[in-house]
N, C-alpha and C. Protein backbone atom coordinates (compact mmCIF):
# COMPACT_ATOMS: atom_id res chain seq x y z
N MET A 1 14.05 0.93 -35.00
CA MET A 1 12.92 0.47 -33.96
C MET A 1 13.99 1.68 -32.89
N SER A 2 12.95 3.03 -32.75
CA SER A 2 13.11 3.76 -31.53
C SER A 2 13.26 3.39 -30.06
N LEU A 3 14.03 3.66 -29.06
CA LEU A 3 14.37 2.95 -27.74
C LEU A 3 12.52 3.41 -27.43
N ILE A 4 11.61 4.50 -27.47
CA ILE A 4 10.34 4.11 -27.02
C ILE A 4 9.46 3.18 -27.44
N ASP A 5 9.56 3.05 -28.76
CA ASP A 5 8.66 1.61 -29.16
C ASP A 5 9.01 0.57 -28.67
N TYR A 6 10.74 0.32 -28.38
CA TYR A 6 10.68 -0.31 -27.84
C TYR A 6 10.02 -0.51 -26.31
N LEU A 7 10.58 0.08 -25.46
CA LEU A 7 9.68 -0.15 -24.57
C LEU A 7 8.09 -0.17 -24.09
N ASN A 8 7.43 0.83 -25.02
CA ASN A 8 5.49 -0.02 -25.39
C ASN A 8 5.85 -1.14 -26.28
N GLN A 9 6.08 -1.85 -27.01
CA GLN A 9 6.45 -3.22 -27.53
C GLN A 9 6.30 -4.27 -26.03
N THR A 10 7.53 -4.15 -26.00
CA THR A 10 7.94 -4.75 -24.11
C THR A 10 6.50 -4.84 -22.97
N ARG A 11 5.96 -3.40 -22.93
CA ARG A 11 5.01 -3.36 -22.24
C ARG A 11 4.01 -4.00 -22.37
N TYR A 12 3.12 -3.70 -24.20
CA TYR A 12 2.67 -4.55 -24.29
C TYR A 12 2.16 -6.14 -23.98
N GLY A 13 3.08 -5.75 -24.59
CA GLY A 13 3.46 -7.96 -24.10
C GLY A 13 3.19 -8.94 -22.88
N GLN A 14 3.87 -7.60 -22.12
CA GLN A 14 3.42 -7.59 -20.67
C GLN A 14 2.04 -7.45 -20.06
N ASP A 15 0.87 -6.70 -20.80
CA ASP A 15 -0.05 -6.03 -20.13
C ASP A 15 -0.14 -4.97 -19.64
N LEU A 16 0.88 -4.78 -19.71
CA LEU A 16 0.68 -3.06 -19.22
C LEU A 16 0.56 -1.82 -19.78
N LEU A 17 0.26 -1.09 -19.77
CA LEU A 17 0.42 0.20 -20.17
C LEU A 17 1.52 0.71 -20.71
N THR A 18 1.06 1.89 -22.03
CA THR A 18 2.45 1.50 -23.27
C THR A 18 2.63 3.15 -22.16
N ILE A 19 3.38 3.65 -22.12
CA ILE A 19 3.96 4.92 -21.67
C ILE A 19 3.46 6.10 -22.20
N ASP A 20 2.60 5.88 -23.35
CA ASP A 20 1.26 6.98 -23.59
C ASP A 20 0.34 6.88 -22.96
N GLU A 21 -0.04 5.92 -22.80
CA GLU A 21 -0.88 5.04 -21.58
C GLU A 21 -0.97 6.11 -20.17
N VAL A 22 0.35 5.98 -20.15
CA VAL A 22 0.78 6.40 -18.54
C VAL A 22 -0.09 7.59 -18.48
N ILE A 23 1.06 7.98 -19.50
CA ILE A 23 0.58 10.20 -19.23
C ILE A 23 -0.66 10.31 -19.64
N ARG A 24 -1.68 9.99 -20.19
CA ARG A 24 -2.52 10.16 -20.25
C ARG A 24 -3.50 10.05 -18.58
N LEU A 25 -3.60 9.23 -17.82
CA LEU A 25 -3.77 9.30 -16.66
C LEU A 25 -3.64 10.49 -16.13
N SER A 26 -2.88 11.59 -16.55
CA SER A 26 -3.16 12.72 -16.02
C SER A 26 -4.01 13.36 -16.14
N ASP A 27 -4.92 12.80 -17.59
CA ASP A 27 -6.17 13.61 -17.25
C ASP A 27 -6.87 13.56 -16.70
N ARG A 28 -6.78 12.96 -15.73
CA ARG A 28 -8.00 12.60 -14.04
C ARG A 28 -7.20 13.62 -13.26
N GLY A 29 -5.42 14.44 -13.40
CA GLY A 29 -5.71 14.73 -12.65
C GLY A 29 -3.86 14.45 -11.67
N ASN A 30 -3.67 12.88 -12.36
CA ASN A 30 -2.86 12.00 -11.64
C ASN A 30 -1.14 12.85 -12.11
N THR A 31 -0.73 12.48 -11.39
CA THR A 31 0.69 13.07 -11.46
C THR A 31 1.96 12.26 -11.86
N ILE A 32 2.24 11.81 -12.53
CA ILE A 32 3.53 11.27 -13.03
C ILE A 32 4.83 11.51 -13.46
N PHE A 33 6.10 11.19 -12.04
CA PHE A 33 6.93 12.11 -12.50
C PHE A 33 7.86 12.17 -13.58
N ASP A 34 7.60 10.34 -13.22
CA ASP A 34 8.43 9.52 -15.07
C ASP A 34 8.37 8.20 -14.98
N PRO A 35 7.34 8.87 -16.39
CA PRO A 35 6.04 7.51 -16.92
C PRO A 35 6.58 6.66 -17.73
N CYS A 36 8.49 6.60 -18.00
CA CYS A 36 9.35 5.88 -18.46
C CYS A 36 9.39 4.82 -17.26
N SER A 37 9.21 4.79 -16.53
CA SER A 37 9.94 4.40 -15.01
C SER A 37 8.46 3.59 -14.37
N VAL A 38 7.27 4.29 -14.74
CA VAL A 38 6.36 3.37 -13.64
C VAL A 38 5.68 2.11 -14.48
N LEU A 39 5.64 1.20 -14.20
CA LEU A 39 4.44 0.25 -14.88
C LEU A 39 3.27 -0.12 -14.06
N ILE A 40 2.34 0.44 -14.31
CA ILE A 40 0.36 0.08 -14.56
C ILE A 40 0.46 -1.32 -15.15
N SER A 41 -0.65 -1.61 -14.81
CA SER A 41 -1.21 -3.02 -15.56
C SER A 41 -2.67 -1.83 -16.14
N LYS A 42 -2.64 -2.80 -17.06
CA LYS A 42 -3.39 -2.34 -17.93
C LYS A 42 -5.43 -2.67 -17.09
N HIS A 43 -4.96 -3.83 -16.56
CA HIS A 43 -5.78 -4.73 -15.24
C HIS A 43 -6.14 -3.07 -14.22
N ALA A 44 -5.61 -2.70 -14.16
CA ALA A 44 -5.68 -1.82 -12.86
C ALA A 44 -6.19 -0.94 -12.93
N VAL A 45 -7.44 -1.07 -11.99
CA VAL A 45 -8.38 0.69 -12.46
C VAL A 45 -7.80 1.94 -10.98
N ILE A 46 -7.39 3.14 -11.87
CA ILE A 46 -6.69 3.99 -11.00
C ILE A 46 -7.39 5.32 -11.04
N GLY A 47 -7.51 5.58 -9.96
CA GLY A 47 -8.86 6.82 -9.76
C GLY A 47 -7.55 8.01 -10.07
N ALA A 48 -8.18 9.32 -9.18
CA ALA A 48 -7.74 10.33 -9.59
C ALA A 48 -6.61 11.24 -8.76
N SER A 49 -6.12 12.32 -8.93
CA SER A 49 -5.34 13.22 -8.51
C SER A 49 -4.22 12.29 -7.41
N ASN A 50 -3.71 11.36 -8.06
CA ASN A 50 -2.74 10.29 -7.19
C ASN A 50 -1.50 11.30 -7.74
N VAL A 51 -0.34 10.73 -7.05
CA VAL A 51 1.24 11.02 -6.95
C VAL A 51 2.03 9.88 -7.18
N PHE A 52 2.47 9.25 -8.45
CA PHE A 52 3.23 8.67 -8.72
C PHE A 52 5.06 9.09 -8.53
N PHE A 53 5.65 8.94 -7.88
CA PHE A 53 6.81 8.56 -8.12
C PHE A 53 7.67 7.30 -9.03
N PRO A 54 9.05 8.02 -9.42
CA PRO A 54 9.55 6.73 -10.04
C PRO A 54 9.84 5.51 -9.13
N GLY A 55 10.28 4.75 -10.31
CA GLY A 55 10.12 3.08 -9.65
C GLY A 55 8.58 2.84 -9.42
N VAL A 56 7.35 3.02 -8.89
CA VAL A 56 6.13 2.81 -9.01
C VAL A 56 5.99 1.78 -9.93
N TYR A 57 5.25 0.55 -9.05
CA TYR A 57 4.53 -1.15 -9.66
C TYR A 57 3.18 -1.35 -9.70
N LEU A 58 2.35 -1.32 -10.54
CA LEU A 58 1.19 -1.69 -9.74
C LEU A 58 0.86 -3.00 -10.90
N LEU A 59 0.98 -3.32 -10.73
CA LEU A 59 0.66 -4.70 -11.06
C LEU A 59 -0.66 -5.81 -11.44
N CYS A 60 -1.21 -6.16 -12.35
CA CYS A 60 -2.65 -6.33 -11.91
C CYS A 60 -2.63 -7.88 -13.31
N GLU A 61 -3.02 -9.19 -13.07
CA GLU A 61 -2.98 -10.24 -14.15
C GLU A 61 -4.63 -10.50 -14.37
N GLU A 62 -5.01 -10.96 -15.40
CA GLU A 62 -6.44 -10.84 -15.74
C GLU A 62 -7.57 -11.45 -14.64
N GLY A 63 -8.10 -11.34 -14.86
CA GLY A 63 -9.59 -12.19 -14.23
C GLY A 63 -9.17 -11.84 -12.15
N ALA A 64 -7.79 -10.98 -12.05
CA ALA A 64 -7.81 -10.00 -10.52
C ALA A 64 -8.02 -9.10 -10.49
N GLU A 65 -7.76 -8.29 -9.48
CA GLU A 65 -7.77 -6.47 -9.42
C GLU A 65 -7.09 -6.07 -8.39
N LEU A 66 -7.22 -4.80 -9.08
CA LEU A 66 -5.96 -3.55 -8.17
C LEU A 66 -6.93 -2.13 -8.10
N VAL A 67 -7.74 -1.87 -7.61
CA VAL A 67 -8.64 -0.29 -7.62
C VAL A 67 -7.72 0.53 -6.81
N VAL A 68 -7.82 1.59 -7.09
CA VAL A 68 -6.72 2.94 -6.36
C VAL A 68 -7.45 4.28 -6.33
N GLY A 69 -8.14 4.58 -5.84
CA GLY A 69 -8.56 5.23 -5.16
C GLY A 69 -7.73 6.74 -5.70
N ASP A 70 -8.43 7.80 -4.98
CA ASP A 70 -7.69 9.27 -4.98
C ASP A 70 -6.99 9.85 -4.04
N PHE A 71 -6.25 11.13 -4.60
CA PHE A 71 -5.60 11.73 -3.49
C PHE A 71 -4.27 10.59 -3.06
N ASN A 72 -3.21 9.56 -3.41
CA ASN A 72 -2.71 8.37 -3.42
C ASN A 72 -1.20 9.21 -3.64
N ARG A 73 -0.14 8.33 -2.71
CA ARG A 73 1.34 9.35 -2.80
C ARG A 73 2.10 7.97 -3.05
N PHE A 74 2.81 7.14 -4.05
CA PHE A 74 3.44 5.74 -3.84
C PHE A 74 5.06 6.64 -4.61
N TYR A 75 5.62 6.33 -3.13
CA TYR A 75 7.10 7.16 -3.15
C TYR A 75 7.74 5.85 -3.91
N PRO A 76 8.66 5.82 -4.32
CA PRO A 76 9.77 4.85 -5.46
C PRO A 76 9.82 3.71 -4.21
N ASN A 77 10.40 2.45 -5.28
CA ASN A 77 10.14 1.30 -4.82
C ASN A 77 8.46 1.35 -3.62
N THR A 78 7.51 1.15 -4.69
CA THR A 78 6.49 1.31 -4.11
C THR A 78 5.70 -0.67 -4.95
N LEU A 79 5.41 -1.79 -5.28
CA LEU A 79 4.81 -2.36 -5.57
C LEU A 79 3.63 -2.91 -4.87
N LEU A 80 2.41 -2.78 -5.98
CA LEU A 80 1.19 -3.78 -5.34
C LEU A 80 1.11 -5.00 -6.78
N GLU A 81 0.84 -5.69 -6.39
CA GLU A 81 0.87 -6.94 -7.25
C GLU A 81 -0.62 -7.83 -6.82
N ALA A 82 -1.46 -7.40 -7.74
CA ALA A 82 -2.91 -9.03 -7.73
C ALA A 82 -2.07 -9.98 -8.75
N SER A 83 -2.20 -10.72 -8.30
CA SER A 83 -2.30 -12.16 -9.01
C SER A 83 -2.91 -13.24 -8.77
N GLY A 84 -3.55 -13.21 -7.97
CA GLY A 84 -4.38 -14.13 -7.15
C GLY A 84 -5.47 -14.19 -6.39
N GLY A 85 -6.14 -13.24 -6.15
CA GLY A 85 -6.61 -12.10 -5.26
C GLY A 85 -6.90 -10.20 -5.92
N ALA A 86 -7.07 -10.04 -4.81
CA ALA A 86 -7.65 -8.57 -4.76
C ALA A 86 -6.68 -7.76 -4.00
N ILE A 87 -6.76 -6.80 -4.60
CA ILE A 87 -6.30 -5.34 -3.60
C ILE A 87 -7.23 -4.36 -3.78
N ARG A 88 -7.29 -3.41 -3.53
CA ARG A 88 -8.34 -2.27 -2.99
C ARG A 88 -7.75 -1.22 -1.72
N VAL A 89 -7.36 -0.50 -2.42
CA VAL A 89 -7.09 0.80 -2.37
C VAL A 89 -7.47 2.32 -1.89
N GLY A 90 -8.26 2.68 -0.35
CA GLY A 90 -8.75 4.13 -0.91
C GLY A 90 -8.25 5.56 -1.15
N THR A 91 -8.44 6.08 -0.14
CA THR A 91 -7.69 7.79 -0.71
C THR A 91 -6.80 8.18 0.34
N GLN A 92 -6.46 9.09 0.01
CA GLN A 92 -5.35 9.76 0.42
C GLN A 92 -4.70 8.66 1.51
N ASN A 93 -3.65 7.76 1.24
CA ASN A 93 -2.83 6.95 1.54
C ASN A 93 -1.47 7.22 1.36
N GLN A 94 -0.64 6.67 1.84
CA GLN A 94 1.05 7.65 1.73
C GLN A 94 1.90 5.98 1.42
N PHE A 95 2.44 5.36 0.53
CA PHE A 95 3.04 4.10 0.34
C PHE A 95 4.09 4.70 0.02
N GLY A 96 5.09 4.10 0.89
CA GLY A 96 6.63 4.46 0.99
C GLY A 96 6.71 5.90 1.76
N GLU A 97 7.63 6.71 2.34
CA GLU A 97 9.09 6.46 2.31
C GLU A 97 9.56 5.32 2.85
N GLY A 98 10.53 4.44 1.69
CA GLY A 98 11.08 3.09 1.84
C GLY A 98 10.90 2.02 1.31
N GLY A 99 9.95 2.05 0.41
CA GLY A 99 9.45 1.18 -0.16
C GLY A 99 7.76 0.96 0.75
N PHE A 100 7.25 -0.07 -0.10
CA PHE A 100 6.07 -0.71 -0.01
C PHE A 100 5.40 -1.44 -0.64
N THR A 101 5.26 -2.70 -0.33
CA THR A 101 5.23 -3.90 -1.26
C THR A 101 3.62 -4.81 -0.85
N ALA A 102 2.81 -5.25 -1.66
CA ALA A 102 1.24 -5.64 -1.08
C ALA A 102 1.12 -6.47 -2.53
N LYS A 103 1.05 -7.87 -1.95
CA LYS A 103 1.43 -8.66 -2.77
C LYS A 103 -0.14 -9.89 -2.74
N ALA A 104 -1.24 -9.68 -3.13
CA ALA A 104 -2.20 -10.75 -3.06
C ALA A 104 -2.06 -11.55 -4.12
N ASN A 105 -1.07 -12.82 -4.06
CA ASN A 105 -0.68 -13.52 -4.72
C ASN A 105 -0.64 -14.62 -4.86
N ARG A 106 -2.00 -15.38 -3.77
CA ARG A 106 -2.31 -16.59 -3.33
C ARG A 106 -3.79 -16.34 -3.91
N GLN A 107 -4.71 -17.59 -4.18
CA GLN A 107 -5.51 -17.87 -4.57
C GLN A 107 -6.36 -17.38 -3.32
N GLY A 108 -7.90 -16.69 -3.75
CA GLY A 108 -8.29 -16.25 -2.72
C GLY A 108 -7.87 -14.97 -1.81
N ALA A 109 -6.43 -14.15 -1.72
CA ALA A 109 -6.29 -13.39 -1.63
C ALA A 109 -6.86 -12.02 -1.57
N SER A 110 -7.31 -11.23 0.05
CA SER A 110 -7.22 -9.93 -0.43
C SER A 110 -6.95 -8.80 0.43
N ILE A 111 -6.45 -7.75 -0.25
CA ILE A 111 -5.77 -7.18 0.66
C ILE A 111 -6.99 -5.88 0.35
N SER A 112 -7.06 -5.37 1.96
CA SER A 112 -8.28 -4.00 1.45
C SER A 112 -7.38 -2.92 2.45
N ILE A 113 -7.26 -1.87 1.48
CA ILE A 113 -6.36 -1.23 2.47
C ILE A 113 -7.64 0.11 2.47
N GLY A 114 -7.73 1.33 3.21
CA GLY A 114 -8.76 2.72 3.73
C GLY A 114 -8.62 3.65 3.65
N ASP A 115 -8.52 4.59 4.13
CA ASP A 115 -8.07 5.96 3.62
C ASP A 115 -7.19 6.24 4.69
N TYR A 116 -6.55 7.23 4.62
CA TYR A 116 -4.94 8.53 5.41
C TYR A 116 -4.76 7.32 6.40
N GLY A 117 -4.14 6.15 5.76
CA GLY A 117 -2.52 5.59 5.93
C GLY A 117 -1.74 6.35 5.85
N ARG A 118 -0.87 5.52 6.58
CA ARG A 118 0.78 5.25 5.74
C ARG A 118 1.89 4.36 6.25
N TYR A 119 2.39 3.27 5.61
CA TYR A 119 2.88 2.17 5.40
C TYR A 119 4.07 2.77 4.46
N ILE A 120 5.28 2.55 5.59
CA ILE A 120 6.40 3.22 5.08
C ILE A 120 7.79 2.44 5.34
N ASN A 121 9.05 2.39 4.85
CA ASN A 121 9.86 1.74 5.54
C ASN A 121 9.96 0.62 5.06
N GLY A 122 9.44 -0.09 4.60
CA GLY A 122 10.11 -1.53 3.93
C GLY A 122 8.68 -2.34 4.28
N ALA A 123 7.49 -1.63 4.89
CA ALA A 123 6.45 -2.50 5.54
C ALA A 123 6.01 -3.83 3.86
N ALA A 124 5.63 -4.81 3.96
CA ALA A 124 5.50 -5.68 3.29
C ALA A 124 4.28 -6.81 4.01
N VAL A 125 2.61 -6.31 2.86
CA VAL A 125 1.17 -6.83 3.60
C VAL A 125 0.56 -8.56 1.90
N PHE A 126 0.33 -9.50 2.88
CA PHE A 126 -0.17 -10.70 2.14
C PHE A 126 -1.34 -11.36 2.70
N GLY A 127 -1.54 -11.85 1.98
CA GLY A 127 -3.38 -13.14 2.59
C GLY A 127 -3.95 -12.12 2.39
N SER A 128 -4.62 -12.35 3.35
CA SER A 128 -5.95 -11.49 3.66
C SER A 128 -5.76 -10.78 4.81
N THR A 129 -5.75 -9.38 4.28
CA THR A 129 -5.46 -8.54 5.50
C THR A 129 -5.96 -7.28 4.60
N SER A 130 -6.35 -6.22 6.69
CA SER A 130 -7.17 -5.17 6.12
C SER A 130 -6.40 -4.22 7.34
N LEU A 131 -6.48 -3.19 6.69
CA LEU A 131 -5.92 -2.04 6.82
C LEU A 131 -6.73 -1.11 6.77
N GLY A 132 -7.34 -1.03 8.19
CA GLY A 132 -8.63 -0.03 8.23
C GLY A 132 -7.63 1.21 8.13
N SER A 133 -9.29 2.11 7.62
CA SER A 133 -8.55 4.15 7.36
C SER A 133 -7.74 4.63 8.54
N GLY A 134 -6.85 5.12 7.87
CA GLY A 134 -5.70 5.78 9.24
C GLY A 134 -5.02 5.27 10.06
N SER A 135 -5.08 3.22 9.60
CA SER A 135 -3.95 2.50 10.06
C SER A 135 -2.53 2.90 9.77
N GLN A 136 -1.57 2.23 10.13
CA GLN A 136 -0.22 2.47 10.03
C GLN A 136 0.51 1.37 9.71
N LEU A 137 1.91 1.07 9.28
CA LEU A 137 2.87 0.38 9.53
C LEU A 137 4.31 0.70 8.89
N ILE A 138 4.86 0.54 10.38
CA ILE A 138 6.28 1.45 10.25
C ILE A 138 7.09 0.78 10.23
N GLY A 139 8.14 0.12 9.40
CA GLY A 139 9.11 -0.40 8.78
C GLY A 139 9.18 -1.52 8.22
N ALA A 140 10.19 -2.02 8.77
CA ALA A 140 10.22 -3.83 7.83
C ALA A 140 9.19 -4.77 7.77
N VAL A 141 8.38 -4.26 8.44
CA VAL A 141 7.13 -5.25 9.03
C VAL A 141 6.19 -6.35 8.11
N THR A 142 6.86 -7.08 7.72
CA THR A 142 5.74 -8.78 7.01
C THR A 142 3.95 -8.93 7.75
N VAL A 143 3.44 -8.58 7.27
CA VAL A 143 2.18 -8.49 7.60
C VAL A 143 1.56 -9.65 6.83
N ASP A 144 0.62 -10.82 7.40
CA ASP A 144 0.13 -11.62 6.93
C ASP A 144 -1.25 -11.76 7.80
N SER A 145 -2.03 -11.94 6.61
CA SER A 145 -3.91 -11.71 7.03
C SER A 145 -3.51 -11.88 9.06
N CYS A 146 -3.47 -9.86 8.56
CA CYS A 146 -3.86 -8.86 9.64
C CYS A 146 -5.12 -8.41 9.68
N HIS A 147 -5.81 -7.75 10.96
CA HIS A 147 -6.79 -6.46 10.80
C HIS A 147 -6.12 -5.88 11.67
N LEU A 148 -6.02 -4.47 10.78
CA LEU A 148 -5.99 -3.33 11.71
C LEU A 148 -6.72 -2.53 11.94
N GLN A 149 -7.58 -2.05 12.92
CA GLN A 149 -8.49 -1.44 12.71
C GLN A 149 -8.78 0.17 12.62
N GLU A 150 -9.88 0.68 12.36
CA GLU A 150 -9.86 2.23 11.96
C GLU A 150 -9.39 2.60 12.94
N GLY A 151 -9.53 3.82 12.72
CA GLY A 151 -9.12 5.22 13.93
C GLY A 151 -8.20 6.57 13.28
N GLY A 152 -8.07 7.94 14.04
CA GLY A 152 -7.45 8.70 13.25
C GLY A 152 -6.15 8.41 13.17
N ASP A 153 -5.64 9.04 12.09
CA ASP A 153 -4.47 8.47 11.45
C ASP A 153 -3.33 9.36 11.91
N PHE A 154 -2.07 9.68 12.09
CA PHE A 154 -1.26 9.57 11.92
C PHE A 154 -0.98 11.39 12.82
N ARG A 155 -2.02 11.99 13.03
CA ARG A 155 -2.32 12.95 12.39
C ARG A 155 -3.18 13.98 14.16
N GLU A 156 -4.27 12.80 14.20
CA GLU A 156 -5.44 12.46 15.53
C GLU A 156 -4.21 13.16 16.72
N PRO A 157 -4.57 13.34 17.77
CA PRO A 157 -3.87 14.53 18.57
C PRO A 157 -3.14 13.74 19.86
N ASP A 158 -5.31 12.64 19.80
CA ASP A 158 -4.65 11.72 21.18
C ASP A 158 -4.53 10.18 20.55
N PRO A 159 -3.08 9.84 20.71
CA PRO A 159 -2.81 8.21 20.36
C PRO A 159 -3.79 7.61 20.34
N ASP A 160 -4.64 7.70 21.61
CA ASP A 160 -5.74 6.16 22.18
C ASP A 160 -6.76 6.37 20.61
N LYS A 161 -6.82 7.46 19.92
CA LYS A 161 -7.85 6.95 19.40
C LYS A 161 -7.52 6.82 17.80
N ARG A 162 -5.96 6.62 17.40
CA ARG A 162 -5.23 6.93 16.39
C ARG A 162 -5.79 4.89 16.20
N ALA A 163 -5.51 4.76 14.47
CA ALA A 163 -5.98 3.21 14.28
C ALA A 163 -4.92 2.31 14.70
N GLY A 164 -5.41 1.07 14.61
CA GLY A 164 -4.40 0.76 14.74
C GLY A 164 -2.55 0.68 14.09
N LEU A 165 -1.92 -0.10 14.50
CA LEU A 165 -0.64 0.23 14.78
C LEU A 165 0.20 -1.08 15.19
N LEU A 166 1.28 -0.81 13.39
CA LEU A 166 2.29 -2.46 13.49
C LEU A 166 3.74 -1.60 13.39
N LYS A 167 4.62 -1.92 14.33
CA LYS A 167 5.50 -0.90 13.75
C LYS A 167 7.51 -1.34 14.43
N GLY A 168 7.75 -1.30 13.55
CA GLY A 168 9.84 -2.26 13.99
C GLY A 168 10.18 -3.61 12.68
N PHE A 169 10.04 -4.24 12.83
CA PHE A 169 10.33 -5.54 11.90
C PHE A 169 10.07 -7.05 12.74
N GLY A 170 10.01 -7.07 11.35
CA GLY A 170 9.54 -8.80 11.76
C GLY A 170 8.51 -9.33 10.73
N THR A 171 7.93 -10.90 11.53
CA THR A 171 6.33 -11.22 10.94
C THR A 171 5.35 -11.02 11.93
N ALA A 172 3.89 -10.51 11.60
CA ALA A 172 3.11 -10.28 12.30
C ALA A 172 1.78 -11.33 11.14
N LYS A 173 1.77 -12.31 11.99
CA LYS A 173 0.54 -13.56 11.72
C LYS A 173 -0.97 -13.43 12.35
N ASN A 174 -1.89 -13.47 11.45
CA ASN A 174 -3.41 -13.41 11.68
C ASN A 174 -3.46 -12.37 13.65
N LEU A 175 -2.78 -11.68 13.10
CA LEU A 175 -3.29 -10.47 14.16
C LEU A 175 -4.39 -9.76 14.54
N THR A 176 -5.18 -9.06 15.11
CA THR A 176 -5.89 -7.67 15.09
C THR A 176 -5.68 -7.28 15.50
N ILE A 177 -5.37 -5.77 15.65
CA ILE A 177 -4.69 -4.82 16.44
C ILE A 177 -5.86 -3.46 16.36
N PRO A 178 -6.81 -3.41 17.78
CA PRO A 178 -7.64 -2.76 18.21
C PRO A 178 -7.34 -1.43 17.72
N ALA A 179 -8.00 -0.56 17.47
CA ALA A 179 -8.19 0.83 17.37
C ALA A 179 -7.25 1.52 18.86
N GLY A 180 -6.02 2.27 18.59
CA GLY A 180 -5.29 3.15 19.86
C GLY A 180 -4.49 2.04 20.60
N HIS A 181 -4.11 1.30 19.76
CA HIS A 181 -3.06 0.18 20.17
C HIS A 181 -2.44 0.18 18.90
N VAL A 182 -1.11 -1.06 19.87
CA VAL A 182 0.05 -0.49 19.07
C VAL A 182 1.01 -2.02 18.97
N ILE A 183 1.20 -2.82 18.07
CA ILE A 183 2.33 -3.88 18.64
C ILE A 183 4.20 -2.81 18.16
N THR A 184 5.03 -3.02 18.84
CA THR A 184 6.72 -3.55 18.62
C THR A 184 7.51 -4.58 18.06
N GLY A 185 7.67 -4.59 17.19
CA GLY A 185 8.14 -6.35 17.01
C GLY A 185 9.69 -5.75 16.49
N SER A 186 10.35 -6.90 16.87
CA SER A 186 11.77 -7.21 16.85
C SER A 186 12.11 -8.54 16.10
N GLY A 187 11.52 -9.10 15.24
CA GLY A 187 11.63 -10.04 14.38
C GLY A 187 10.49 -10.97 14.22
N SER A 188 9.43 -10.61 15.47
CA SER A 188 8.00 -11.08 15.71
C SER A 188 7.43 -10.31 16.00
N PHE A 189 5.97 -10.66 16.08
CA PHE A 189 4.85 -9.56 16.35
C PHE A 189 3.98 -10.98 17.20
N HIS A 190 3.99 -10.15 18.42
CA HIS A 190 2.55 -10.97 19.58
C HIS A 190 1.71 -10.59 20.02
N LEU A 191 0.62 -10.43 20.29
CA LEU A 191 -0.26 -9.83 21.27
C LEU A 191 -0.12 -9.41 22.78
N ASP A 192 0.52 -10.20 23.61
CA ASP A 192 1.06 -10.26 24.56
C ASP A 192 1.84 -9.13 24.69
N ASN A 193 2.31 -8.59 23.82
CA ASN A 193 3.26 -6.56 23.86
C ASN A 193 1.99 -5.83 22.54
N LEU A 194 0.51 -5.82 22.89
CA LEU A 194 0.12 -5.55 22.86
C LEU A 194 -0.16 -4.17 23.70
N VAL A 195 -0.41 -2.88 23.26
CA VAL A 195 -0.17 -1.62 24.87
C VAL A 195 -0.58 -0.25 23.82
N PRO A 196 -1.77 0.64 24.60
CA PRO A 196 -2.00 1.38 24.21
C PRO A 196 -1.30 2.36 23.50
N GLN A 197 -1.54 3.27 22.27
CA GLN A 197 -0.58 4.28 21.66
C GLN A 197 0.39 5.53 22.33
N SER A 198 -0.27 5.59 23.07
CA SER A 198 -0.26 6.61 24.53
C SER A 198 1.09 5.94 24.91
N PHE A 199 1.59 4.79 25.24
CA PHE A 199 2.80 4.33 25.67
C PHE A 199 4.30 4.54 25.82
N TYR A 200 3.70 5.12 23.87
CA TYR A 200 4.86 5.97 23.29
C TYR A 200 4.76 7.05 23.63
N HIS A 201 3.72 7.85 22.95
CA HIS A 201 3.01 8.81 23.09
C HIS A 201 2.17 9.74 23.94
N PRO A 202 3.03 10.08 25.07
CA PRO A 202 2.16 10.55 26.31
C PRO A 202 1.11 11.58 25.89
N LYS A 203 0.02 11.34 26.26
CA LYS A 203 -0.84 12.52 26.58
C LYS A 203 0.07 13.76 26.99
N ALA A 204 -0.76 15.08 26.38
CA ALA A 204 -0.58 16.19 27.07
C ALA A 204 -1.93 16.50 28.20
């Protein structure tokens, strides 16, 4: 048995796309730099013009839901796993650099990610979480059942018009971050530490 046959047989047994099937995602304008290191479930729905760096894993059990829109960038060490609920991703998001994890691995879990977001440096998302368009997670932030309200993305010149932001490290649970606001965590995140984003990025 050749190496490719072995890899394909192993993938087939785990309900993953074969290497040839991963390559065929490029027919819709997707870029896969290393098809041998990218694992994508056959139950996942993948849009067009996404970029997949090596070491990206999009896993979805039968009966769950994983839907990815268009023009997203998945950097190495990105894992999306829908095993007990749904993960829905919009367009033009950045996952990584520095790793990103999203797991809908509890019954009824639902993770919704809008458009133009940036989720980098080891952020991880669980539970019933909504990351509105333009939102950001920066750092080793564990997000459990939070809502980041939509707004402008990180390029918006007025920081107080940007979407909700969590940065730092630690666990954020059952929080709503309004547009234009940020909490910087150091082990944990509390609404008492909510400030306008212009606190860190003064307006000109």
